[in-house]
């Protein structure tokens, strides 16, 4: 399969993770969002979303632990 068949920027898990991270922050551009719809794989999105949720919960737990200990 050629590079064009896989998408110009690829559909690797890393590209999906970056798209999910930007989405968590809420600062994804409309054009980039439309590009992502066409090139990202659904199972990568699900996996990256679940990993992102666990990371987000971990950061919240650390922040609460830090705030309570002070």
C-alpha atoms as a PDB file:
ATOM      1  CA  UNK A   1       0.000   0.000   0.000  1.00  0.00           C
ATOM      2  CA  UNK A   2       1.363   3.415  -0.890  1.00  0.00           C
ATOM      3  CA  UNK A   3       1.692   6.419   1.377  1.00  0.00           C
ATOM      4  CA  UNK A   4      -1.386   7.956  -0.255  1.00  0.00           C
ATOM      5  CA  UNK A   5      -3.444   4.872   0.589  1.00  0.00           C
ATOM      6  CA  UNK A   6      -2.680   5.282   4.273  1.00  0.00           C
ATOM      7  CA  UNK A   7      -3.224   9.032   4.365  1.00  0.00           C
ATOM      8  CA  UNK A   8      -0.790  11.880   3.937  1.00  0.00           C
ATOM      9  CA  UNK A   9       0.014  12.204   7.636  1.00  0.00           C
ATOM     10  CA  UNK A  10      -0.590   8.565   8.534  1.00  0.00           C
ATOM     11  CA  UNK A  11      -3.047   7.023  10.890  1.00  0.00           C
ATOM     12  CA  UNK A  12      -0.672   5.796  13.553  1.00  0.00           C
ATOM     13  CA  UNK A  13      -1.675   5.458  17.161  1.00  0.00           C
ATOM     14  CA  UNK A  14       0.559   8.448  17.972  1.00  0.00           C
ATOM     15  CA  UNK A  15      -1.386  10.672  15.552  1.00  0.00           C
ATOM     16  CA  UNK A  16      -4.615   9.459  17.134  1.00  0.00           C
ATOM     17  CA  UNK A  17      -3.277  10.124  20.640  1.00  0.00           C
ATOM     18  CA  UNK A  18      -2.367  13.683  19.649  1.00  0.00           C
ATOM     19  CA  UNK A  19      -5.830  14.254  18.176  1.00  0.00           C
ATOM     20  CA  UNK A  20      -7.471  12.942  21.355  1.00  0.00           C
ATOM     21  CA  UNK A  21      -5.213  15.094  23.549  1.00  0.00           C
ATOM     22  CA  UNK A  22      -6.144  18.234  21.602  1.00  0.00           C
ATOM     23  CA  UNK A  23      -9.789  17.238  21.869  1.00  0.00           C
ATOM     24  CA  UNK A  24      -9.502  16.825  25.646  1.00  0.00           C
ATOM     25  CA  UNK A  25      -8.187  20.382  25.793  1.00  0.00           C
ATOM     26  CA  UNK A  26     -10.967  21.588  23.493  1.00  0.00           C
ATOM     27  CA  UNK A  27      -8.720  23.507  21.122  1.00  0.00           C
ATOM     28  CA  UNK A  28      -8.957  21.408  17.954  1.00  0.00           C
ATOM     29  CA  UNK A  29      -9.374  23.383  14.714  1.00  0.00           C
ATOM     30  CA  UNK A  30     -12.340  22.533  12.527  1.00  0.00           C
ATOM     31  CA  UNK A  31     -10.152  21.711   9.521  1.00  0.00           C
ATOM     32  CA  UNK A  32      -7.978  19.359  11.571  1.00  0.00           C
ATOM     33  CA  UNK A  33     -11.089  17.713  13.007  1.00  0.00           C
ATOM     34  CA  UNK A  34     -12.432  17.058   9.506  1.00  0.00           C
ATOM     35  CA  UNK A  35      -9.048  15.628   8.446  1.00  0.00           C
ATOM     36  CA  UNK A  36      -9.051  13.345  11.497  1.00  0.00           C
ATOM     37  CA  UNK A  37     -12.486  11.956  10.679  1.00  0.00           C
ATOM     38  CA  UNK A  38     -11.201  10.656   7.361  1.00  0.00           C
ATOM     39  CA  UNK A  39      -7.879   9.225   8.451  1.00  0.00           C
ATOM     40  CA  UNK A  40      -8.060   7.981  12.049  1.00  0.00           C
ATOM     41  CA  UNK A  41      -9.069   4.435  12.843  1.00  0.00           C
ATOM     42  CA  UNK A  42     -12.019   3.972  15.226  1.00  0.00           C
ATOM     43  CA  UNK A  43     -10.300   1.377  17.420  1.00  0.00           C
ATOM     44  CA  UNK A  44      -7.316   3.725  17.826  1.00  0.00           C
ATOM     45  CA  UNK A  45      -9.714   6.481  18.910  1.00  0.00           C
ATOM     46  CA  UNK A  46     -11.382   4.231  21.472  1.00  0.00           C
ATOM     47  CA  UNK A  47      -8.065   3.026  22.903  1.00  0.00           C
ATOM     48  CA  UNK A  48      -6.579   6.529  23.008  1.00  0.00           C
ATOM     49  CA  UNK A  49      -9.740   7.891  24.626  1.00  0.00           C
ATOM     50  CA  UNK A  50      -9.689   5.244  27.361  1.00  0.00           C
ATOM     51  CA  UNK A  51      -5.983   5.814  28.010  1.00  0.00           C
ATOM     52  CA  UNK A  52      -6.601   9.570  28.070  1.00  0.00           C
ATOM     53  CA  UNK A  53      -9.382   9.178  30.629  1.00  0.00           C
ATOM     54  CA  UNK A  54      -7.131   7.123  32.915  1.00  0.00           C
ATOM     55  CA  UNK A  55      -4.340   9.696  32.614  1.00  0.00           C
ATOM     56  CA  UNK A  56      -6.813  12.517  33.324  1.00  0.00           C
ATOM     57  CA  UNK A  57      -8.170  10.718  36.408  1.00  0.00           C
ATOM     58  CA  UNK A  58      -4.616  10.055  37.610  1.00  0.00           C
ATOM     59  CA  UNK A  59      -3.706  13.728  37.275  1.00  0.00           C
ATOM     60  CA  UNK A  60      -6.865  14.712  39.168  1.00  0.00           C
ATOM     61  CA  UNK A  61      -6.067  12.247  41.941  1.00  0.00           C
ATOM     62  CA  UNK A  62      -2.526  13.607  42.250  1.00  0.00           C
ATOM     63  CA  UNK A  63      -3.828  17.176  42.341  1.00  0.00           C
ATOM     64  CA  UNK A  64      -6.312  16.323  45.096  1.00  0.00           C
ATOM     65  CA  UNK A  65      -3.670  14.450  47.064  1.00  0.00           C
ATOM     66  CA  UNK A  66      -1.329  17.431  46.781  1.00  0.00           C
ATOM     67  CA  UNK A  67      -4.070  19.914  47.766  1.00  0.00           C
ATOM     68  CA  UNK A  68      -5.168  17.885  50.789  1.00  0.00           C
ATOM     69  CA  UNK A  69      -1.635  17.301  52.046  1.00  0.00           C
ATOM     70  CA  UNK A  70      -0.827  21.023  52.144  1.00  0.00           C
END
